[in-house]
N, C-alpha and C. Protein backbone atom coordinates (compact mmCIF):
# COMPACT_ATOMS: atom_id res chain seq x y z
N MET A 1 1.91 27.87 -12.79
CA MET A 1 2.32 26.58 -12.29
C MET A 1 1.49 25.50 -12.97
N TRP A 2 2.15 24.47 -13.44
CA TRP A 2 1.48 23.37 -14.14
C TRP A 2 0.96 22.36 -13.12
N VAL A 3 -0.30 21.96 -13.31
CA VAL A 3 -0.97 21.05 -12.39
C VAL A 3 -1.62 19.92 -13.18
N ARG A 4 -1.49 18.68 -12.67
CA ARG A 4 -2.17 17.54 -13.28
C ARG A 4 -3.56 17.43 -12.68
N SER A 5 -4.56 17.25 -13.53
CA SER A 5 -5.93 17.12 -13.06
C SER A 5 -6.57 15.86 -13.64
N PHE A 6 -7.53 15.34 -12.91
CA PHE A 6 -8.22 14.09 -13.26
C PHE A 6 -9.69 14.29 -12.93
N PHE A 7 -10.56 14.07 -13.92
CA PHE A 7 -12.00 14.19 -13.70
C PHE A 7 -12.71 12.95 -14.21
N TYR A 8 -13.73 12.54 -13.47
CA TYR A 8 -14.66 11.54 -13.99
C TYR A 8 -15.71 12.27 -14.81
N ILE A 9 -16.01 11.72 -15.97
CA ILE A 9 -16.94 12.34 -16.91
C ILE A 9 -18.11 11.40 -17.15
N GLU A 10 -19.31 11.91 -17.01
CA GLU A 10 -20.50 11.12 -17.29
C GLU A 10 -20.97 11.45 -18.70
N GLY A 11 -21.30 10.41 -19.47
CA GLY A 11 -21.84 10.62 -20.81
C GLY A 11 -20.91 10.19 -21.93
N MET A 12 -19.67 9.80 -21.61
CA MET A 12 -18.77 9.31 -22.66
C MET A 12 -19.13 7.86 -22.96
N THR A 13 -19.45 7.59 -24.22
CA THR A 13 -19.89 6.25 -24.59
C THR A 13 -19.08 5.62 -25.72
N CYS A 14 -18.17 6.39 -26.33
CA CYS A 14 -17.45 5.84 -27.49
C CYS A 14 -16.14 6.60 -27.70
N LEU A 15 -15.38 6.13 -28.67
CA LEU A 15 -14.11 6.79 -29.02
C LEU A 15 -14.34 8.20 -29.53
N ASN A 16 -15.46 8.42 -30.19
CA ASN A 16 -15.77 9.76 -30.69
C ASN A 16 -15.93 10.74 -29.53
N CYS A 17 -16.49 10.27 -28.42
CA CYS A 17 -16.63 11.12 -27.23
C CYS A 17 -15.26 11.52 -26.69
N GLU A 18 -14.32 10.57 -26.66
CA GLU A 18 -12.96 10.87 -26.24
C GLU A 18 -12.38 11.99 -27.09
N THR A 19 -12.53 11.85 -28.40
CA THR A 19 -11.98 12.82 -29.34
C THR A 19 -12.60 14.20 -29.13
N LYS A 20 -13.91 14.25 -28.91
CA LYS A 20 -14.59 15.54 -28.70
C LYS A 20 -14.04 16.25 -27.48
N ILE A 21 -13.85 15.51 -26.40
CA ILE A 21 -13.35 16.13 -25.17
C ILE A 21 -11.90 16.58 -25.35
N GLU A 22 -11.08 15.73 -25.96
CA GLU A 22 -9.68 16.08 -26.17
C GLU A 22 -9.55 17.32 -27.04
N LYS A 23 -10.33 17.38 -28.14
CA LYS A 23 -10.27 18.55 -29.02
C LYS A 23 -10.77 19.81 -28.32
N ALA A 24 -11.81 19.68 -27.52
CA ALA A 24 -12.34 20.84 -26.80
C ALA A 24 -11.29 21.40 -25.83
N LEU A 25 -10.59 20.52 -25.13
CA LEU A 25 -9.59 20.98 -24.17
C LEU A 25 -8.34 21.50 -24.86
N LEU A 26 -8.02 20.97 -26.03
CA LEU A 26 -6.87 21.46 -26.79
C LEU A 26 -7.06 22.91 -27.25
N GLU A 27 -8.30 23.33 -27.40
CA GLU A 27 -8.60 24.70 -27.83
C GLU A 27 -8.32 25.72 -26.72
N ILE A 28 -8.16 25.25 -25.49
CA ILE A 28 -7.94 26.15 -24.35
C ILE A 28 -6.43 26.37 -24.18
N ASP A 29 -6.03 27.63 -24.11
CA ASP A 29 -4.62 27.95 -23.87
C ASP A 29 -4.22 27.46 -22.49
N GLY A 30 -3.02 26.87 -22.40
CA GLY A 30 -2.51 26.43 -21.11
C GLY A 30 -2.96 25.04 -20.69
N VAL A 31 -3.53 24.28 -21.61
CA VAL A 31 -3.93 22.89 -21.32
C VAL A 31 -3.17 21.99 -22.27
N LYS A 32 -2.56 20.94 -21.74
CA LYS A 32 -1.79 20.02 -22.58
C LYS A 32 -1.85 18.61 -22.01
N ASN A 33 -1.26 17.66 -22.74
CA ASN A 33 -1.20 16.25 -22.34
C ASN A 33 -2.58 15.71 -21.95
N ILE A 34 -3.54 15.90 -22.82
CA ILE A 34 -4.92 15.50 -22.55
C ILE A 34 -5.12 14.06 -22.98
N LYS A 35 -5.72 13.27 -22.12
CA LYS A 35 -6.07 11.89 -22.46
C LYS A 35 -7.43 11.56 -21.87
N ALA A 36 -8.40 11.42 -22.75
CA ALA A 36 -9.74 11.01 -22.33
C ALA A 36 -9.86 9.50 -22.53
N ASN A 37 -10.65 8.84 -21.68
CA ASN A 37 -10.83 7.41 -21.75
C ASN A 37 -12.30 7.10 -21.50
N PHE A 38 -13.01 6.67 -22.56
CA PHE A 38 -14.44 6.42 -22.40
C PHE A 38 -14.71 5.15 -21.60
N LEU A 39 -13.82 4.17 -21.64
CA LEU A 39 -14.03 2.95 -20.87
C LEU A 39 -13.95 3.23 -19.37
N GLY A 40 -13.04 4.09 -18.97
CA GLY A 40 -12.91 4.46 -17.57
C GLY A 40 -13.73 5.69 -17.22
N SER A 41 -14.35 6.30 -18.20
CA SER A 41 -15.16 7.52 -18.02
C SER A 41 -14.38 8.61 -17.30
N HIS A 42 -13.15 8.86 -17.76
CA HIS A 42 -12.37 9.92 -17.14
C HIS A 42 -11.49 10.64 -18.15
N VAL A 43 -10.99 11.78 -17.73
CA VAL A 43 -10.04 12.55 -18.53
C VAL A 43 -8.93 13.04 -17.61
N THR A 44 -7.70 12.96 -18.09
CA THR A 44 -6.56 13.51 -17.37
C THR A 44 -5.90 14.55 -18.26
N PHE A 45 -5.35 15.57 -17.65
CA PHE A 45 -4.67 16.62 -18.40
C PHE A 45 -3.79 17.42 -17.47
N ILE A 46 -2.91 18.20 -18.08
CA ILE A 46 -2.06 19.12 -17.33
C ILE A 46 -2.47 20.52 -17.76
N HIS A 47 -2.61 21.41 -16.79
CA HIS A 47 -2.98 22.78 -17.13
C HIS A 47 -2.21 23.77 -16.27
N ASN A 48 -2.08 24.96 -16.79
CA ASN A 48 -1.43 26.03 -16.06
C ASN A 48 -2.49 26.76 -15.27
N ASN A 49 -2.47 26.61 -13.96
CA ASN A 49 -3.54 27.19 -13.15
C ASN A 49 -3.46 28.71 -13.04
N LYS A 50 -2.38 29.31 -13.53
CA LYS A 50 -2.32 30.77 -13.58
C LYS A 50 -3.07 31.30 -14.79
N ILE A 51 -3.16 30.49 -15.85
CA ILE A 51 -3.88 30.89 -17.06
C ILE A 51 -5.33 30.45 -17.00
N ASN A 52 -5.55 29.19 -16.61
CA ASN A 52 -6.90 28.61 -16.61
C ASN A 52 -7.30 28.11 -15.24
N LYS A 53 -8.48 28.46 -14.86
CA LYS A 53 -9.04 27.93 -13.63
C LYS A 53 -9.84 26.68 -13.96
N ILE A 54 -9.94 25.78 -13.01
CA ILE A 54 -10.65 24.52 -13.21
C ILE A 54 -12.09 24.76 -13.65
N GLY A 55 -12.71 25.80 -13.12
CA GLY A 55 -14.10 26.11 -13.49
C GLY A 55 -14.27 26.33 -14.98
N ASN A 56 -13.31 26.99 -15.61
CA ASN A 56 -13.37 27.20 -17.06
C ASN A 56 -13.25 25.89 -17.83
N ILE A 57 -12.39 25.02 -17.33
CA ILE A 57 -12.19 23.73 -17.99
C ILE A 57 -13.44 22.87 -17.85
N ILE A 58 -14.02 22.85 -16.65
CA ILE A 58 -15.26 22.09 -16.43
C ILE A 58 -16.37 22.63 -17.33
N GLN A 59 -16.47 23.95 -17.42
CA GLN A 59 -17.50 24.57 -18.26
C GLN A 59 -17.32 24.17 -19.73
N THR A 60 -16.09 24.09 -20.19
CA THR A 60 -15.83 23.67 -21.57
C THR A 60 -16.29 22.24 -21.80
N ILE A 61 -15.99 21.35 -20.87
CA ILE A 61 -16.41 19.95 -21.00
C ILE A 61 -17.94 19.85 -20.98
N GLU A 62 -18.56 20.54 -20.05
CA GLU A 62 -20.01 20.46 -19.93
C GLU A 62 -20.74 21.14 -21.09
N SER A 63 -20.09 22.11 -21.73
CA SER A 63 -20.72 22.75 -22.90
C SER A 63 -20.79 21.80 -24.09
N ARG A 64 -20.01 20.72 -24.05
CA ARG A 64 -20.03 19.71 -25.11
C ARG A 64 -21.06 18.61 -24.83
N GLY A 65 -21.80 18.73 -23.72
CA GLY A 65 -22.86 17.77 -23.42
C GLY A 65 -22.49 16.69 -22.43
N TYR A 66 -21.36 16.82 -21.77
CA TYR A 66 -20.93 15.84 -20.77
C TYR A 66 -21.04 16.44 -19.38
N THR A 67 -21.02 15.59 -18.36
CA THR A 67 -21.11 16.06 -16.98
C THR A 67 -19.85 15.65 -16.23
N VAL A 68 -19.21 16.60 -15.59
CA VAL A 68 -18.05 16.32 -14.76
C VAL A 68 -18.58 15.86 -13.40
N LYS A 69 -18.22 14.64 -13.01
CA LYS A 69 -18.77 14.03 -11.80
C LYS A 69 -17.88 14.16 -10.58
N GLY A 70 -16.61 14.23 -10.74
CA GLY A 70 -15.76 14.33 -9.56
C GLY A 70 -14.29 14.33 -9.92
N SER A 71 -13.50 14.68 -8.94
CA SER A 71 -12.06 14.72 -9.14
C SER A 71 -11.41 13.52 -8.47
N GLU A 72 -10.14 13.40 -8.65
CA GLU A 72 -9.38 12.27 -8.12
C GLU A 72 -9.42 12.24 -6.59
N GLU A 73 -9.43 13.40 -5.93
CA GLU A 73 -9.42 13.42 -4.48
C GLU A 73 -10.68 12.76 -3.91
N LYS A 74 -11.83 13.06 -4.48
CA LYS A 74 -13.08 12.46 -4.01
C LYS A 74 -13.06 10.95 -4.20
N VAL A 75 -12.54 10.51 -5.32
CA VAL A 75 -12.50 9.09 -5.62
C VAL A 75 -11.58 8.36 -4.65
N LYS A 76 -10.45 8.97 -4.29
CA LYS A 76 -9.52 8.34 -3.35
C LYS A 76 -10.18 8.12 -2.00
N ARG A 77 -10.94 9.10 -1.52
CA ARG A 77 -11.62 8.95 -0.24
C ARG A 77 -12.62 7.81 -0.28
N LYS A 78 -13.41 7.73 -1.35
CA LYS A 78 -14.39 6.65 -1.48
C LYS A 78 -13.70 5.30 -1.57
N THR A 79 -12.59 5.23 -2.28
CA THR A 79 -11.85 3.98 -2.43
C THR A 79 -11.29 3.53 -1.09
N ASN A 80 -10.76 4.43 -0.29
CA ASN A 80 -10.22 4.06 1.02
C ASN A 80 -11.30 3.48 1.91
N ILE A 81 -12.48 4.05 1.89
CA ILE A 81 -13.59 3.53 2.69
C ILE A 81 -13.97 2.13 2.21
N SER A 82 -13.97 1.92 0.91
CA SER A 82 -14.29 0.60 0.35
C SER A 82 -13.27 -0.44 0.79
N TYR A 83 -11.98 -0.06 0.81
CA TYR A 83 -10.95 -1.00 1.24
C TYR A 83 -11.13 -1.39 2.69
N VAL A 84 -11.41 -0.44 3.55
CA VAL A 84 -11.61 -0.73 4.97
C VAL A 84 -12.78 -1.67 5.15
N PHE A 85 -13.87 -1.39 4.49
CA PHE A 85 -15.06 -2.25 4.57
C PHE A 85 -14.73 -3.67 4.10
N THR A 86 -14.03 -3.79 2.99
CA THR A 86 -13.67 -5.10 2.44
C THR A 86 -12.78 -5.87 3.42
N ILE A 87 -11.84 -5.20 4.04
CA ILE A 87 -10.95 -5.86 5.00
C ILE A 87 -11.73 -6.36 6.21
N ILE A 88 -12.62 -5.55 6.71
CA ILE A 88 -13.42 -5.96 7.88
C ILE A 88 -14.27 -7.19 7.56
N ILE A 89 -14.93 -7.18 6.43
CA ILE A 89 -15.76 -8.32 6.02
C ILE A 89 -14.89 -9.56 5.80
N SER A 90 -13.73 -9.39 5.20
CA SER A 90 -12.83 -10.53 4.96
C SER A 90 -12.37 -11.15 6.27
N ILE A 91 -12.03 -10.33 7.24
CA ILE A 91 -11.60 -10.85 8.55
C ILE A 91 -12.73 -11.62 9.21
N TYR A 92 -13.93 -11.10 9.12
CA TYR A 92 -15.09 -11.79 9.70
C TYR A 92 -15.25 -13.17 9.07
N PHE A 93 -15.23 -13.27 7.74
CA PHE A 93 -15.42 -14.55 7.08
C PHE A 93 -14.25 -15.50 7.34
N LEU A 94 -13.06 -14.98 7.41
CA LEU A 94 -11.90 -15.81 7.72
C LEU A 94 -12.04 -16.40 9.13
N TYR A 95 -12.44 -15.58 10.08
CA TYR A 95 -12.66 -16.07 11.45
C TYR A 95 -13.75 -17.14 11.46
N TYR A 96 -14.82 -16.92 10.76
CA TYR A 96 -15.92 -17.89 10.68
C TYR A 96 -15.45 -19.21 10.08
N MET A 97 -14.67 -19.16 9.02
CA MET A 97 -14.19 -20.39 8.36
C MET A 97 -13.23 -21.15 9.26
N VAL A 98 -12.34 -20.46 9.92
CA VAL A 98 -11.36 -21.12 10.78
C VAL A 98 -12.06 -21.74 11.99
N SER A 99 -13.01 -21.05 12.58
CA SER A 99 -13.73 -21.60 13.74
C SER A 99 -14.55 -22.82 13.37
N TYR A 100 -14.96 -22.95 12.14
CA TYR A 100 -15.72 -24.10 11.69
C TYR A 100 -14.87 -25.36 11.72
N PHE A 101 -13.58 -25.24 11.41
CA PHE A 101 -12.69 -26.40 11.37
C PHE A 101 -12.10 -26.74 12.73
N LEU A 102 -12.27 -25.92 13.73
CA LEU A 102 -11.70 -26.22 15.05
C LEU A 102 -12.60 -27.04 15.90
């Protein structure tokens, strides 16, 4: 079964880093549609989870000198918490500004 995966990568600093990660993952059977992005410090790809386990893919990336920091699921949870916090603070300041003019 083909699965889309997304990882944050620590240590990518240039276009050459993108190329190194993409080439490393292309060498693995069952991995395709690889796109690394050093500005966003992430890599996305599609892999066949019957052929390759995520642990093997992470090991390949880390063997090139980079660190896999997290997956998309972890980032979504952190982002949701940030949104809630931002909304609460915004409501507080909006209430404060409106009460000042009354």
